[in-house]
Amino acid sequence: MSIVGPRPIIAKELPRYGEACAMYLAMTPGCAGIWQCSGRNELQYEQRVEMDVDYYWKASLTFDLCLIARTFVAVLTRRGAC
C-alpha cells in the first residue's frame, strides 16, 4: 500500500471496474486518493471508478501532493463521511 492511490477493493468488486480493471490493477492502492477527498460515500460507485481512471492518467508527484492536502481537509471537515 502506498500513501496516494485508489482505495483497495475486495475481489468481488473488481468486475464493477469493467474495461478499467487493468488500469486499477496497474496501480498500487493508497490511503489518500481522489475518491477520499471528493465526497467518498456521497458518490456512486461508477463515479469512484471514473476517479480511479482519472488518477491513472494524471498520476504525478504534484497531483499526489495536491490529493494529500485535499484528503487532509476532507478528514478534518468530515466531508463525505458516514
N, C-alpha and C. Protein backbone atom coordinates (compact mmCIF):
# COMPACT_ATOMS: atom_id res chain seq x y z
N MET A 1 0.84 -1.17 0.00
CA MET A 1 0.00 0.00 0.00
C MET A 1 0.89 1.24 0.00
N SER A 2 0.47 2.24 -0.75
CA SER A 2 1.21 3.48 -0.81
C SER A 2 0.43 4.59 -0.08
N ILE A 3 0.97 5.76 -0.05
CA ILE A 3 0.28 6.88 0.60
C ILE A 3 -0.85 7.37 -0.29
N VAL A 4 -0.60 7.53 -1.58
CA VAL A 4 -1.62 8.01 -2.51
C VAL A 4 -1.89 6.96 -3.57
N GLY A 5 -3.16 6.78 -3.86
CA GLY A 5 -3.58 5.82 -4.88
C GLY A 5 -5.04 5.47 -4.66
N PRO A 6 -5.61 4.65 -5.51
CA PRO A 6 -7.00 4.27 -5.32
C PRO A 6 -7.16 3.42 -4.06
N ARG A 7 -8.30 3.51 -3.44
CA ARG A 7 -8.56 2.69 -2.25
C ARG A 7 -8.58 1.22 -2.65
N PRO A 8 -8.10 0.35 -1.75
CA PRO A 8 -8.15 -1.08 -2.05
C PRO A 8 -9.60 -1.55 -2.16
N ILE A 9 -9.83 -2.54 -2.99
CA ILE A 9 -11.16 -3.12 -3.13
C ILE A 9 -11.07 -4.62 -2.88
N ILE A 10 -12.22 -5.24 -2.63
CA ILE A 10 -12.25 -6.69 -2.47
C ILE A 10 -12.46 -7.32 -3.85
N ALA A 11 -12.14 -8.60 -3.96
CA ALA A 11 -12.16 -9.29 -5.26
C ALA A 11 -13.51 -9.21 -5.95
N LYS A 12 -14.61 -9.27 -5.20
CA LYS A 12 -15.91 -9.27 -5.87
C LYS A 12 -16.30 -7.89 -6.40
N GLU A 13 -15.55 -6.84 -6.05
CA GLU A 13 -15.79 -5.50 -6.61
C GLU A 13 -15.10 -5.31 -7.95
N LEU A 14 -14.11 -6.12 -8.24
CA LEU A 14 -13.30 -5.96 -9.46
C LEU A 14 -14.14 -5.94 -10.74
N PRO A 15 -15.16 -6.78 -10.89
CA PRO A 15 -15.97 -6.72 -12.12
C PRO A 15 -16.66 -5.37 -12.33
N ARG A 16 -16.88 -4.62 -11.27
CA ARG A 16 -17.52 -3.31 -11.40
C ARG A 16 -16.64 -2.32 -12.13
N TYR A 17 -15.35 -2.63 -12.26
CA TYR A 17 -14.42 -1.75 -12.97
C TYR A 17 -14.46 -1.97 -14.48
N GLY A 18 -15.07 -3.07 -14.92
CA GLY A 18 -15.22 -3.32 -16.35
C GLY A 18 -13.92 -3.21 -17.11
N GLU A 19 -13.94 -2.42 -18.18
CA GLU A 19 -12.76 -2.24 -19.02
C GLU A 19 -11.62 -1.53 -18.29
N ALA A 20 -11.93 -0.83 -17.20
CA ALA A 20 -10.92 -0.11 -16.43
C ALA A 20 -10.20 -1.02 -15.43
N CYS A 21 -10.56 -2.29 -15.41
CA CYS A 21 -9.97 -3.23 -14.47
C CYS A 21 -8.44 -3.27 -14.58
N ALA A 22 -7.94 -3.31 -15.78
CA ALA A 22 -6.48 -3.37 -15.98
C ALA A 22 -5.80 -2.13 -15.43
N MET A 23 -6.43 -0.97 -15.59
CA MET A 23 -5.85 0.27 -15.05
C MET A 23 -5.80 0.21 -13.53
N TYR A 24 -6.91 -0.24 -12.92
CA TYR A 24 -6.94 -0.33 -11.46
C TYR A 24 -5.85 -1.28 -10.97
N LEU A 25 -5.71 -2.43 -11.59
CA LEU A 25 -4.73 -3.42 -11.16
C LEU A 25 -3.30 -2.95 -11.38
N ALA A 26 -3.09 -2.00 -12.28
CA ALA A 26 -1.75 -1.48 -12.55
C ALA A 26 -1.29 -0.48 -11.49
N MET A 27 -2.22 -0.03 -10.64
CA MET A 27 -1.90 0.97 -9.62
C MET A 27 -1.75 0.32 -8.25
N THR A 28 -0.91 0.91 -7.41
CA THR A 28 -0.78 0.46 -6.04
C THR A 28 -1.84 1.16 -5.20
N PRO A 29 -2.64 0.41 -4.46
CA PRO A 29 -3.65 1.06 -3.61
C PRO A 29 -3.00 2.01 -2.61
N GLY A 30 -3.75 3.03 -2.21
CA GLY A 30 -3.22 4.01 -1.27
C GLY A 30 -4.21 4.42 -0.20
N CYS A 31 -3.71 5.13 0.78
CA CYS A 31 -4.53 5.63 1.89
C CYS A 31 -5.26 6.91 1.51
N ALA A 32 -4.62 7.74 0.73
CA ALA A 32 -5.21 9.01 0.29
C ALA A 32 -5.39 8.95 -1.22
N GLY A 33 -6.49 9.50 -1.69
CA GLY A 33 -6.72 9.48 -3.12
C GLY A 33 -7.86 10.39 -3.52
N ILE A 34 -8.15 10.41 -4.79
CA ILE A 34 -9.13 11.33 -5.34
C ILE A 34 -10.54 11.05 -4.80
N TRP A 35 -10.87 9.78 -4.60
CA TRP A 35 -12.20 9.42 -4.09
C TRP A 35 -12.39 9.91 -2.66
N GLN A 36 -11.35 9.78 -1.84
CA GLN A 36 -11.45 10.17 -0.43
C GLN A 36 -11.69 11.66 -0.24
N CYS A 37 -11.18 12.47 -1.15
CA CYS A 37 -11.31 13.91 -0.97
C CYS A 37 -12.37 14.51 -1.88
N SER A 38 -13.15 13.65 -2.53
CA SER A 38 -14.16 14.15 -3.47
C SER A 38 -15.58 13.74 -3.09
N GLY A 39 -15.79 13.35 -1.87
CA GLY A 39 -17.14 13.05 -1.45
C GLY A 39 -17.36 11.67 -0.87
N ARG A 40 -16.42 10.77 -1.06
CA ARG A 40 -16.48 9.39 -0.55
C ARG A 40 -17.87 8.79 -0.68
N ASN A 41 -18.57 8.59 0.41
CA ASN A 41 -19.84 7.87 0.41
C ASN A 41 -20.99 8.65 -0.21
N GLU A 42 -20.77 9.90 -0.58
CA GLU A 42 -21.80 10.68 -1.26
C GLU A 42 -21.83 10.38 -2.76
N LEU A 43 -20.86 9.61 -3.24
CA LEU A 43 -20.72 9.33 -4.67
C LEU A 43 -21.19 7.93 -5.02
N GLN A 44 -21.61 7.75 -6.25
CA GLN A 44 -21.97 6.44 -6.76
C GLN A 44 -20.68 5.66 -7.07
N TYR A 45 -20.78 4.35 -7.06
CA TYR A 45 -19.60 3.52 -7.32
C TYR A 45 -19.02 3.80 -8.69
N GLU A 46 -19.88 4.06 -9.67
CA GLU A 46 -19.40 4.35 -11.02
C GLU A 46 -18.53 5.60 -11.03
N GLN A 47 -18.86 6.57 -10.19
CA GLN A 47 -18.05 7.78 -10.09
C GLN A 47 -16.69 7.46 -9.49
N ARG A 48 -16.67 6.54 -8.54
CA ARG A 48 -15.40 6.12 -7.93
C ARG A 48 -14.50 5.50 -9.01
N VAL A 49 -15.08 4.65 -9.85
CA VAL A 49 -14.30 4.02 -10.92
C VAL A 49 -13.75 5.10 -11.85
N GLU A 50 -14.58 6.07 -12.24
CA GLU A 50 -14.13 7.16 -13.11
C GLU A 50 -12.98 7.93 -12.47
N MET A 51 -13.06 8.16 -11.18
CA MET A 51 -11.99 8.88 -10.48
C MET A 51 -10.70 8.08 -10.45
N ASP A 52 -10.80 6.77 -10.28
CA ASP A 52 -9.61 5.93 -10.29
C ASP A 52 -8.96 5.94 -11.68
N VAL A 53 -9.77 5.92 -12.72
CA VAL A 53 -9.24 6.00 -14.09
C VAL A 53 -8.58 7.37 -14.30
N ASP A 54 -9.23 8.43 -13.81
CA ASP A 54 -8.67 9.77 -13.91
C ASP A 54 -7.32 9.84 -13.21
N TYR A 55 -7.23 9.24 -12.03
CA TYR A 55 -5.96 9.22 -11.30
C TYR A 55 -4.89 8.47 -12.09
N TYR A 56 -5.27 7.38 -12.72
CA TYR A 56 -4.33 6.59 -13.53
C TYR A 56 -3.65 7.49 -14.56
N TRP A 57 -4.44 8.33 -15.23
CA TRP A 57 -3.90 9.19 -16.29
C TRP A 57 -3.17 10.41 -15.77
N LYS A 58 -3.53 10.92 -14.58
CA LYS A 58 -2.95 12.15 -14.06
C LYS A 58 -1.87 11.94 -13.02
N ALA A 59 -1.60 10.71 -12.61
CA ALA A 59 -0.67 10.44 -11.51
C ALA A 59 0.68 11.13 -11.72
N SER A 60 1.07 11.91 -10.72
CA SER A 60 2.36 12.59 -10.72
C SER A 60 2.63 13.03 -9.28
N LEU A 61 3.83 13.43 -8.99
CA LEU A 61 4.17 13.90 -7.66
C LEU A 61 3.33 15.12 -7.29
N THR A 62 3.17 16.04 -8.21
CA THR A 62 2.39 17.25 -7.96
C THR A 62 0.93 16.91 -7.66
N PHE A 63 0.35 16.03 -8.46
CA PHE A 63 -1.05 15.63 -8.26
C PHE A 63 -1.19 14.88 -6.93
N ASP A 64 -0.23 14.02 -6.60
CA ASP A 64 -0.27 13.30 -5.33
C ASP A 64 -0.22 14.26 -4.14
N LEU A 65 0.64 15.26 -4.20
CA LEU A 65 0.73 16.24 -3.11
C LEU A 65 -0.58 17.01 -2.96
N CYS A 66 -1.20 17.34 -4.08
CA CYS A 66 -2.49 18.02 -4.06
C CYS A 66 -3.55 17.13 -3.40
N LEU A 67 -3.56 15.85 -3.75
CA LEU A 67 -4.53 14.92 -3.17
C LEU A 67 -4.31 14.71 -1.68
N ILE A 68 -3.07 14.69 -1.25
CA ILE A 68 -2.78 14.57 0.19
C ILE A 68 -3.35 15.77 0.93
N ALA A 69 -3.13 16.96 0.40
CA ALA A 69 -3.67 18.17 1.03
C ALA A 69 -5.19 18.16 1.05
N ARG A 70 -5.81 17.79 -0.07
CA ARG A 70 -7.27 17.74 -0.15
C ARG A 70 -7.85 16.68 0.78
N THR A 71 -7.16 15.53 0.92
CA THR A 71 -7.61 14.47 1.81
C THR A 71 -7.54 14.94 3.26
N PHE A 72 -6.48 15.63 3.60
CA PHE A 72 -6.32 16.17 4.95
C PHE A 72 -7.50 17.09 5.29
N VAL A 73 -7.87 17.97 4.37
CA VAL A 73 -9.01 18.87 4.58
C VAL A 73 -10.31 18.09 4.69
N ALA A 74 -10.49 17.09 3.85
CA ALA A 74 -11.72 16.27 3.88
C ALA A 74 -11.86 15.54 5.22
N VAL A 75 -10.75 15.04 5.73
CA VAL A 75 -10.79 14.34 7.02
C VAL A 75 -11.14 15.31 8.15
N LEU A 76 -10.52 16.47 8.13
CA LEU A 76 -10.80 17.46 9.19
C LEU A 76 -12.23 17.96 9.17
N THR A 77 -12.79 18.13 7.98
CA THR A 77 -14.16 18.63 7.87
C THR A 77 -15.19 17.51 7.85
N ARG A 78 -14.72 16.26 7.85
CA ARG A 78 -15.57 15.07 7.81
C ARG A 78 -16.49 15.05 6.59
N ARG A 79 -16.06 15.68 5.53
CA ARG A 79 -16.84 15.73 4.29
C ARG A 79 -16.95 14.35 3.67
N GLY A 80 -18.17 13.92 3.42
CA GLY A 80 -18.41 12.64 2.77
C GLY A 80 -18.36 11.45 3.70
N ALA A 81 -18.12 11.68 4.98
CA ALA A 81 -18.06 10.57 5.93
C ALA A 81 -19.45 10.07 6.28
N CYS A 82 -19.52 8.80 6.67
CA CYS A 82 -20.81 8.23 7.07
C CYS A 82 -21.28 8.82 8.38
